[in-house]
Amino acid sequence: MVSSWHNEIKNGTDPTREIMVKLLWIGFIIYTLGYVTSTAEAISYVAGNFIQVIGLMCFVPSFVYLLSWKLENKYLSVLLLIYILWIIVILLRGIKFDYDTIKQLLFDPDGGIFLYLIPLFLLIPLTPSFLKKVFFVILVLGVIYVIYDIVFIKNLIYAGDNMRSQAIIERFTQFLSLPCGYLIITSIYHRKKISLFALFVMALTFLLAVIRARRGLMFMSLSMMIVAMVFYQINNKAKVVNIVLSFFFVLIVAFGSIKLYENNSKTTFSLITERIGQQTRKEVEHYFYRDLTTKDWIIGKGFNGKYFCPGVNEGPGRISIYRTVIETGYLQIILNGGLISLIIMLLIVIPSIIKGIFYSKNTLAKAVGCWIFLFLLYMYPGSMTVFSLYYILVWISVGICYSKTLLNLTDEEIAKELLSRDKIVQRSGF
């Protein structure tokens, strides 16, 4: 990482590496679309898996090619090695070579093998061209999110409590729209129309989350927009009067939202009215705490670990007895890898937050430091550790915050590279 950024500026992009980065993200987008589209039942799961296979054929070889163990921070190098070794232990404790397990390993973003490979994104050198591709992929998924919302609008605004509608809004948000929050908190490095589109996507996400009564998604999308507003005010050196006006604008929007909710509480927003006071995960967590032994708390139950939790509606005609997932992110990590896994991860990400927010000279590191902090915050209302661009961005952000090179760059130096287009990109496009 130390030389990768400056080396690319000095010598230009490596054509082979450029192709591999493109294949990486093209494969990832194809894989994500195969999963999300099949989840929405627009295509069969067999067709979705076939699309995912095509994505993996692009993603896996390019991902392996791009890895390079050249971390400039020794603390991060040691902890990442320990974390990787522990992940291998987790996988070995649960992998079975039967059809169902292999299918889960390859095609399930929530609990498949690729989820466990995401920390390895720390080993991909951070260069201007790589970050520009990341931003472009976020934009592409945001566009797809809007298109899918239009196509599935009837399911998304379904008035009652419906499992399919719930799955669609959660999957669309987690895999397609949430990464747009990354664009709005780093808006200083993007063209205005891109930032405005990303803001539109986040506002749409919030609105649909309200209609579908997904309280966790409401909190996530709204908090991202608030953080983005703070950075916008700071970057534009807003005067006190502008900050006060912004505060009153937020109050007006909040008041208007309350009035809109009151007027429609028995129609459009009936579902959120019913769910406001519900503690939907309390009983599940109770079963989780009761099932785990001391040993389980320390080392977890391994890949595909289960806990006794009867009576949960998992879909049409499917009532749980044992579950492999729990909706709280921290507990999911403990279920599979124990407190050991959680502690190692926190030892990596917490220092990165401190470095990014308090020891950097640019908005990029401060913004992505906040992104990591929000990730830790979101880990209670939802399980964010899935094979998604959102979670990938967390580990890319960790890499940025541990890089002395990137921490010491100015906003002008970063913007100059991210807002320019190198010769290879000009010639071939994305």
Protein backbone atom coordinates (compact mmCIF):
# COMPACT_ATOMS: atom_id res chain seq x y z
CA MET A 1 0.00 0.00 0.00
CA VAL A 2 2.83 2.41 0.70
CA SER A 3 3.99 2.66 -2.88
CA SER A 4 0.93 1.47 -4.80
CA TRP A 5 -0.84 4.83 -4.80
CA HIS A 6 2.17 6.93 -5.79
CA ASN A 7 3.53 4.23 -8.09
CA GLU A 8 0.39 4.28 -10.21
CA ILE A 9 0.42 8.08 -10.34
CA LYS A 10 4.04 8.03 -11.50
CA ASN A 11 3.99 5.07 -13.88
CA GLY A 12 0.33 4.76 -14.86
CA THR A 13 -1.92 1.75 -14.44
CA ASP A 14 -0.74 -1.77 -15.15
CA PRO A 15 -2.87 -2.97 -18.13
CA THR A 16 -3.10 -6.55 -16.82
CA ARG A 17 -4.07 -5.41 -13.35
CA GLU A 18 -6.62 -3.02 -14.85
CA ILE A 19 -8.29 -5.91 -16.68
CA MET A 20 -8.32 -8.04 -13.53
CA VAL A 21 -9.92 -5.25 -11.47
CA LYS A 22 -12.64 -4.92 -14.10
CA LEU A 23 -13.23 -8.70 -14.13
CA LEU A 24 -13.37 -8.70 -10.33
CA TRP A 25 -16.18 -6.16 -10.18
CA ILE A 26 -18.02 -7.43 -13.25
CA GLY A 27 -18.05 -10.89 -11.67
CA PHE A 28 -19.20 -9.47 -8.35
CA ILE A 29 -22.08 -7.54 -9.96
CA ILE A 30 -23.21 -10.62 -11.90
CA TYR A 31 -23.07 -12.77 -8.75
CA THR A 32 -25.05 -10.21 -6.75
CA LEU A 33 -27.72 -9.83 -9.44
CA GLY A 34 -28.14 -13.60 -9.70
CA TYR A 35 -28.81 -13.82 -5.98
CA VAL A 36 -31.01 -10.73 -5.59
CA THR A 37 -33.13 -11.50 -8.67
CA SER A 38 -33.79 -15.08 -7.56
CA THR A 39 -34.61 -13.89 -4.03
CA ALA A 40 -37.27 -11.63 -5.54
CA GLU A 41 -38.61 -14.75 -7.32
CA ALA A 42 -38.28 -13.06 -10.71
CA ILE A 43 -36.28 -16.09 -11.84
CA SER A 44 -35.89 -19.59 -10.42
CA TYR A 45 -33.15 -20.34 -7.90
CA VAL A 46 -31.58 -22.70 -10.45
CA ALA A 47 -31.33 -19.85 -12.96
CA GLY A 48 -30.02 -17.57 -10.21
CA ASN A 49 -27.32 -20.10 -9.29
CA PHE A 50 -26.31 -20.40 -12.95
CA ILE A 51 -25.87 -16.62 -13.14
CA GLN A 52 -23.85 -16.72 -9.91
CA VAL A 53 -21.55 -19.36 -11.42
CA ILE A 54 -20.82 -17.02 -14.33
CA GLY A 55 -20.04 -14.28 -11.82
CA LEU A 56 -17.71 -16.54 -9.84
CA MET A 57 -15.80 -17.48 -13.00
CA CYS A 58 -14.88 -13.80 -13.35
CA PHE A 59 -14.54 -12.94 -9.66
CA VAL A 60 -12.44 -15.76 -8.19
CA PRO A 61 -9.40 -15.82 -10.53
CA SER A 62 -9.17 -12.03 -10.68
CA PHE A 63 -9.49 -11.77 -6.88
CA VAL A 64 -6.64 -14.25 -6.36
CA TYR A 65 -4.49 -12.43 -8.94
CA LEU A 66 -4.92 -9.05 -7.24
CA LEU A 67 -3.93 -10.20 -3.74
CA SER A 68 -0.57 -8.91 -2.50
CA TRP A 69 0.71 -9.24 1.07
CA LYS A 70 2.34 -5.82 1.24
CA LEU A 71 0.70 -4.22 4.26
CA GLU A 72 2.69 -1.29 5.61
CA ASN A 73 1.30 -1.64 9.14
CA LYS A 74 2.89 -4.52 11.09
CA TYR A 75 0.11 -4.56 13.69
CA LEU A 76 -2.46 -5.07 10.93
CA SER A 77 -0.29 -7.72 9.23
CA VAL A 78 -0.05 -9.82 12.40
CA LEU A 79 -3.73 -9.52 13.32
CA LEU A 80 -4.91 -10.22 9.79
CA LEU A 81 -2.78 -13.37 9.67
CA ILE A 82 -4.26 -14.53 13.00
CA TYR A 83 -7.76 -13.70 11.76
CA ILE A 84 -7.26 -15.65 8.53
CA LEU A 85 -5.98 -18.68 10.45
CA TRP A 86 -8.98 -18.53 12.78
CA ILE A 87 -11.35 -18.26 9.79
CA ILE A 88 -9.78 -21.44 8.40
CA VAL A 89 -10.48 -23.15 11.74
CA ILE A 90 -14.11 -21.97 11.61
CA LEU A 91 -14.56 -23.37 8.11
CA LEU A 92 -12.87 -26.69 8.91
CA ARG A 93 -15.15 -27.18 11.91
CA GLY A 94 -18.32 -27.02 9.83
CA ILE A 95 -17.70 -27.87 6.19
CA LYS A 96 -19.25 -31.07 4.86
CA PHE A 97 -18.74 -32.18 1.29
CA ASP A 98 -22.36 -32.98 0.53
CA TYR A 99 -24.55 -31.36 -2.10
CA ASP A 100 -26.41 -28.97 0.22
CA THR A 101 -23.27 -27.71 1.95
CA ILE A 102 -21.36 -27.17 -1.30
CA LYS A 103 -24.36 -25.30 -2.70
CA GLN A 104 -24.46 -23.11 0.40
CA LEU A 105 -20.71 -22.48 0.20
CA LEU A 106 -20.94 -21.21 -3.36
CA PHE A 107 -24.31 -19.50 -3.60
CA ASP A 108 -25.33 -18.20 -0.16
CA PRO A 109 -24.03 -14.65 0.51
CA ASP A 110 -25.27 -14.84 4.11
CA GLY A 111 -23.27 -17.89 5.13
CA GLY A 112 -21.21 -19.11 2.19
CA ILE A 113 -17.44 -19.25 1.89
CA PHE A 114 -17.06 -15.90 0.13
CA LEU A 115 -18.28 -14.05 3.20
CA TYR A 116 -15.16 -15.29 5.01
CA LEU A 117 -12.87 -14.10 2.19
CA ILE A 118 -13.90 -10.45 2.44
CA PRO A 119 -11.15 -9.48 4.96
CA LEU A 120 -8.67 -10.45 2.22
CA PHE A 121 -9.69 -7.27 0.38
CA LEU A 122 -7.11 -5.68 2.69
CA LEU A 123 -4.50 -7.39 0.52
CA ILE A 124 -5.58 -5.67 -2.70
CA PRO A 125 -3.32 -2.61 -3.21
CA LEU A 126 -5.20 0.67 -2.93
CA THR A 127 -4.64 2.74 -6.05
CA PRO A 128 -6.58 5.63 -7.62
CA SER A 129 -7.87 3.40 -10.42
CA PHE A 130 -9.04 0.74 -7.94
CA LEU A 131 -10.97 3.26 -5.82
CA LYS A 132 -12.53 4.80 -8.93
CA LYS A 133 -13.77 1.35 -9.93
CA VAL A 134 -15.21 0.86 -6.45
CA PHE A 135 -17.14 4.14 -6.70
CA PHE A 136 -18.39 3.20 -10.17
CA VAL A 137 -19.64 -0.20 -8.95
CA ILE A 138 -21.55 1.53 -6.14
CA LEU A 139 -23.19 3.75 -8.74
CA VAL A 140 -24.08 0.77 -10.96
CA LEU A 141 -25.75 -1.07 -8.07
CA GLY A 142 -27.62 2.12 -7.18
CA VAL A 143 -29.01 2.37 -10.73
CA ILE A 144 -30.01 -1.30 -10.61
CA TYR A 145 -31.72 -0.67 -7.26
CA VAL A 146 -33.90 2.08 -8.74
CA ILE A 147 -34.78 -0.10 -11.76
CA TYR A 148 -35.66 -3.05 -9.52
CA ASP A 149 -37.78 -0.80 -7.29
CA ILE A 150 -39.80 0.24 -10.35
CA VAL A 151 -40.21 -3.37 -11.51
CA PHE A 152 -41.19 -4.71 -8.07
CA ILE A 153 -43.02 -1.63 -6.77
CA LYS A 154 -46.23 -3.56 -6.01
CA ASN A 155 -44.34 -5.94 -3.75
CA LEU A 156 -42.40 -3.15 -2.06
CA ILE A 157 -45.47 -1.12 -1.06
CA TYR A 158 -47.63 -4.13 -0.17
CA ALA A 159 -49.90 -2.95 2.65
CA GLY A 160 -49.79 -6.04 4.87
CA ASP A 161 -47.11 -8.13 6.56
CA ASN A 162 -45.78 -10.34 3.76
CA MET A 163 -42.66 -12.54 3.89
CA ARG A 164 -41.80 -12.07 0.21
CA SER A 165 -42.20 -8.30 0.38
CA GLN A 166 -40.03 -8.22 3.50
CA ALA A 167 -37.32 -10.31 1.84
CA ILE A 168 -37.32 -8.11 -1.27
CA ILE A 169 -36.90 -4.81 0.60
CA GLU A 170 -34.19 -6.25 2.85
CA ARG A 171 -32.21 -7.84 0.01
CA PHE A 172 -32.54 -4.87 -2.34
CA THR A 173 -31.37 -2.53 0.40
CA GLN A 174 -28.51 -4.61 1.77
CA PHE A 175 -27.07 -5.69 -1.57
CA LEU A 176 -27.89 -2.74 -3.84
CA SER A 177 -28.69 0.58 -2.17
CA LEU A 178 -26.79 0.86 1.14
CA PRO A 179 -23.39 1.24 -0.56
CA CYS A 180 -24.65 4.54 -2.01
CA GLY A 181 -24.16 5.89 1.51
CA TYR A 182 -20.44 5.59 0.78
CA LEU A 183 -20.83 8.03 -2.11
CA ILE A 184 -22.73 10.66 -0.16
CA ILE A 185 -20.30 10.73 2.77
CA THR A 186 -17.39 11.09 0.32
CA SER A 187 -19.26 13.51 -1.96
CA ILE A 188 -16.30 15.92 -2.06
CA TYR A 189 -14.58 13.46 -4.42
CA HIS A 190 -17.51 12.99 -6.82
CA ARG A 191 -19.26 15.05 -9.42
CA LYS A 192 -22.39 16.78 -8.18
CA LYS A 193 -24.83 14.73 -10.26
CA ILE A 194 -23.37 11.48 -8.91
CA SER A 195 -23.69 12.66 -5.31
CA LEU A 196 -27.27 13.83 -5.91
CA PHE A 197 -28.22 10.48 -7.44
CA ALA A 198 -26.70 8.62 -4.48
CA LEU A 199 -28.65 10.89 -2.12
CA PHE A 200 -31.85 10.11 -4.05
CA VAL A 201 -31.17 6.37 -3.68
CA MET A 202 -30.68 6.71 0.08
CA ALA A 203 -33.84 8.83 0.44
CA LEU A 204 -35.80 6.24 -1.55
CA THR A 205 -34.36 3.49 0.64
CA PHE A 206 -35.51 5.33 3.76
CA LEU A 207 -39.03 5.88 2.38
CA LEU A 208 -39.49 2.22 1.41
CA ALA A 209 -38.10 1.11 4.78
CA VAL A 210 -40.75 3.26 6.49
CA ILE A 211 -43.53 1.80 4.34
CA ARG A 212 -42.33 -1.77 4.99
CA ALA A 213 -41.73 -1.03 8.69
CA ARG A 214 -38.08 -2.12 8.63
CA ARG A 215 -36.84 -0.18 11.61
CA GLY A 216 -33.22 -1.23 11.25
CA LEU A 217 -33.11 -0.12 7.61
CA MET A 218 -34.77 3.18 8.55
CA PHE A 219 -32.07 3.84 11.12
CA MET A 220 -29.23 2.88 8.76
CA SER A 221 -30.32 4.97 5.77
CA LEU A 222 -31.24 8.01 7.87
CA SER A 223 -28.01 7.95 9.88
CA MET A 224 -25.94 7.78 6.67
CA MET A 225 -27.71 10.85 5.33
CA ILE A 226 -27.12 12.72 8.60
CA VAL A 227 -23.39 11.87 8.56
CA ALA A 228 -23.26 12.99 4.92
CA MET A 229 -24.87 16.30 5.84
CA VAL A 230 -22.28 16.86 8.58
CA PHE A 231 -19.40 16.24 6.16
CA TYR A 232 -21.05 18.47 3.58
CA GLN A 233 -21.25 21.33 6.06
CA ILE A 234 -17.65 20.82 7.18
CA ASN A 235 -16.24 20.54 3.66
CA ASN A 236 -18.06 23.67 2.54
CA LYS A 237 -16.86 25.53 5.66
CA ALA A 238 -20.43 26.40 6.44
CA LYS A 239 -21.01 29.45 8.57
CA VAL A 240 -22.94 29.19 11.81
CA VAL A 241 -26.03 30.62 10.13
CA ASN A 242 -25.97 27.82 7.50
CA ILE A 243 -25.65 25.17 10.19
CA VAL A 244 -28.58 26.69 12.09
CA LEU A 245 -30.65 26.82 8.89
CA SER A 246 -29.79 23.18 8.18
CA PHE A 247 -30.88 22.27 11.70
CA PHE A 248 -34.23 24.00 11.21
CA PHE A 249 -34.60 22.30 7.81
CA VAL A 250 -34.17 18.91 9.49
CA LEU A 251 -36.78 19.91 12.08
CA ILE A 252 -39.22 20.94 9.35
CA VAL A 253 -38.68 17.66 7.48
CA ALA A 254 -39.12 15.71 10.73
CA PHE A 255 -42.32 17.61 11.57
CA GLY A 256 -43.64 17.08 8.03
CA SER A 257 -42.85 13.37 8.26
CA ILE A 258 -44.71 13.08 11.56
CA LYS A 259 -47.78 14.82 10.10
CA LEU A 260 -47.63 12.60 7.00
CA TYR A 261 -47.40 9.54 9.22
CA GLU A 262 -50.34 10.67 11.39
CA ASN A 263 -52.51 11.25 8.33
CA ASN A 264 -51.68 7.83 6.87
CA SER A 265 -51.12 5.73 9.99
CA LYS A 266 -54.05 3.45 9.17
CA THR A 267 -53.28 3.05 5.46
CA THR A 268 -49.83 3.41 3.88
CA PHE A 269 -47.95 3.33 7.20
CA SER A 270 -50.21 0.85 8.99
CA LEU A 271 -47.45 -1.75 9.24
CA ILE A 272 -44.99 0.55 11.02
CA THR A 273 -47.83 1.61 13.34
CA GLU A 274 -48.31 -2.03 14.33
CA ARG A 275 -44.57 -2.69 14.77
CA ILE A 276 -43.39 0.44 16.60
CA GLY A 277 -43.50 -1.13 20.04
CA GLN A 278 -42.70 -4.71 19.12
CA GLN A 279 -39.52 -6.45 20.32
CA THR A 280 -39.22 -8.83 17.37
CA ARG A 281 -35.85 -10.41 18.20
CA LYS A 282 -36.03 -10.64 21.99
CA GLU A 283 -37.34 -14.22 22.07
CA VAL A 284 -34.83 -15.39 19.45
CA GLU A 285 -31.96 -13.91 21.47
CA HIS A 286 -33.33 -15.59 24.59
CA TYR A 287 -33.12 -19.01 22.90
CA PHE A 288 -29.63 -18.15 21.64
CA TYR A 289 -28.31 -17.27 25.11
CA ARG A 290 -29.87 -20.39 26.60
CA ASP A 291 -28.45 -22.75 23.97
CA LEU A 292 -24.78 -21.68 23.92
CA THR A 293 -22.36 -23.31 26.36
CA THR A 294 -19.22 -21.64 27.74
CA LYS A 295 -17.17 -23.42 25.08
CA ASP A 296 -19.52 -22.17 22.36
CA TRP A 297 -19.17 -18.60 23.61
CA ILE A 298 -15.38 -18.84 23.40
CA ILE A 299 -14.80 -20.67 20.10
CA GLY A 300 -18.26 -20.70 18.51
CA LYS A 301 -19.94 -23.61 16.76
CA GLY A 302 -18.04 -23.32 13.48
CA PHE A 303 -19.29 -22.86 9.96
CA ASN A 304 -23.04 -23.58 9.77
CA GLY A 305 -23.28 -23.65 13.57
CA LYS A 306 -26.83 -24.06 14.87
CA TYR A 307 -28.73 -23.10 18.00
CA PHE A 308 -32.07 -24.37 19.31
CA CYS A 309 -34.81 -21.87 18.42
CA PRO A 310 -38.24 -23.39 17.70
CA GLY A 311 -41.21 -21.62 16.18
CA VAL A 312 -39.63 -18.98 13.92
CA ASN A 313 -41.38 -18.54 10.58
CA GLU A 314 -38.62 -19.04 7.99
CA GLY A 315 -40.96 -18.83 4.99
CA PRO A 316 -44.07 -20.54 3.58
CA GLY A 317 -44.50 -23.83 5.42
CA ARG A 318 -41.10 -23.61 7.13
CA ILE A 319 -41.04 -23.33 10.92
CA SER A 320 -37.64 -23.52 12.59
CA ILE A 321 -36.39 -25.97 15.20
CA TYR A 322 -32.67 -25.18 14.90
CA ARG A 323 -31.38 -22.02 13.22
CA THR A 324 -28.02 -21.18 11.63
CA VAL A 325 -28.66 -17.42 11.56
CA ILE A 326 -29.49 -14.79 14.13
CA GLU A 327 -30.50 -11.29 13.15
CA THR A 328 -27.98 -9.60 15.46
CA GLY A 329 -24.60 -9.24 13.74
CA TYR A 330 -22.43 -9.56 16.85
CA LEU A 331 -24.21 -12.73 17.93
CA GLN A 332 -23.86 -14.20 14.42
CA ILE A 333 -20.09 -13.75 14.61
CA ILE A 334 -20.06 -15.40 18.05
CA LEU A 335 -22.26 -18.28 16.83
CA ASN A 336 -19.74 -19.20 14.13
CA GLY A 337 -16.39 -18.11 15.56
CA GLY A 338 -16.99 -17.32 19.21
CA LEU A 339 -15.72 -14.35 21.16
CA ILE A 340 -12.28 -15.09 19.70
CA SER A 341 -13.53 -14.14 16.24
CA LEU A 342 -15.34 -11.03 17.49
CA ILE A 343 -12.38 -9.79 19.55
CA ILE A 344 -9.89 -10.22 16.68
CA MET A 345 -12.19 -8.32 14.34
CA LEU A 346 -12.66 -5.49 16.86
CA LEU A 347 -8.90 -5.30 17.44
CA ILE A 348 -8.55 -4.66 13.72
CA VAL A 349 -11.43 -2.27 13.06
CA ILE A 350 -11.49 -0.07 16.20
CA PRO A 351 -7.92 1.28 15.73
CA SER A 352 -8.77 1.94 12.08
CA ILE A 353 -11.68 4.15 13.16
CA ILE A 354 -9.40 6.14 15.47
CA LYS A 355 -6.68 6.48 12.83
CA GLY A 356 -9.11 7.53 10.12
CA ILE A 357 -11.13 10.08 12.08
CA PHE A 358 -8.45 11.60 14.31
CA TYR A 359 -5.10 11.07 12.58
CA SER A 360 -5.78 11.87 8.93
CA LYS A 361 -5.35 14.98 6.82
CA ASN A 362 -8.22 14.34 4.43
CA THR A 363 -11.96 13.84 4.31
CA LEU A 364 -11.69 10.42 2.66
CA ALA A 365 -10.08 8.76 5.68
CA LYS A 366 -12.38 10.58 8.12
CA ALA A 367 -15.47 9.61 6.13
CA VAL A 368 -14.54 5.94 5.78
CA GLY A 369 -13.60 5.91 9.47
CA CYS A 370 -17.19 6.97 10.14
CA TRP A 371 -18.36 4.25 7.74
CA ILE A 372 -16.59 1.62 9.86
CA PHE A 373 -18.04 3.14 13.04
CA LEU A 374 -21.54 3.00 11.53
CA PHE A 375 -20.90 -0.64 10.62
CA LEU A 376 -20.24 -1.44 14.29
CA LEU A 377 -23.37 0.50 15.19
CA TYR A 378 -25.51 -1.34 12.63
CA MET A 379 -24.33 -4.74 13.82
CA TYR A 380 -27.03 -4.79 16.48
CA PRO A 381 -30.12 -3.98 14.39
CA GLY A 382 -28.92 -6.22 11.56
CA SER A 383 -26.42 -8.85 10.48
CA MET A 384 -24.15 -6.83 8.19
CA THR A 385 -21.48 -9.50 7.77
CA VAL A 386 -22.63 -10.91 4.43
CA PHE A 387 -20.99 -11.18 1.02
CA SER A 388 -22.12 -7.76 -0.14
CA LEU A 389 -20.53 -4.57 -1.41
CA TYR A 390 -21.49 -2.87 1.84
CA TYR A 391 -19.35 -5.28 3.88
CA ILE A 392 -16.54 -5.20 1.29
CA LEU A 393 -16.47 -1.40 1.68
CA VAL A 394 -15.93 -1.84 5.42
CA TRP A 395 -12.68 -3.76 4.83
CA ILE A 396 -11.54 -1.46 2.03
CA SER A 397 -12.11 1.39 4.50
CA VAL A 398 -10.01 -0.41 7.11
CA GLY A 399 -7.19 -0.60 4.56
CA ILE A 400 -7.48 3.12 3.85
CA CYS A 401 -7.34 3.99 7.54
CA TYR A 402 -4.23 1.86 8.14
CA SER A 403 -2.37 3.32 5.15
CA LYS A 404 0.05 6.08 6.17
CA THR A 405 0.25 7.12 2.55
CA LEU A 406 -3.48 7.76 2.27
CA LEU A 407 -3.79 9.26 5.76
CA ASN A 408 -1.22 11.93 4.87
CA LEU A 409 -2.67 12.94 1.51
CA THR A 410 -4.62 16.20 1.25
CA ASP A 411 -8.14 16.45 -0.14
CA GLU A 412 -6.77 18.23 -3.20
CA GLU A 413 -4.29 15.42 -3.93
CA ILE A 414 -6.95 12.72 -3.61
CA ALA A 415 -9.57 14.65 -5.60
CA LYS A 416 -7.06 15.27 -8.38
CA GLU A 417 -6.66 11.51 -8.89
CA LEU A 418 -10.24 10.38 -8.26
CA LEU A 419 -11.81 13.04 -10.47
CA SER A 420 -9.37 12.47 -13.33
CA ARG A 421 -9.50 9.61 -15.83
CA ASP A 422 -6.28 7.78 -16.62
CA LYS A 423 -5.39 6.91 -20.20
CA ILE A 424 -6.43 3.27 -20.02
CA VAL A 425 -9.87 4.11 -18.64
CA GLN A 426 -10.32 6.78 -21.32
CA ARG A 427 -9.55 4.30 -24.04
CA SER A 428 -11.53 1.28 -22.90
CA GLY A 429 -14.16 2.50 -20.47
CA PHE A 430 -15.26 0.41 -17.50
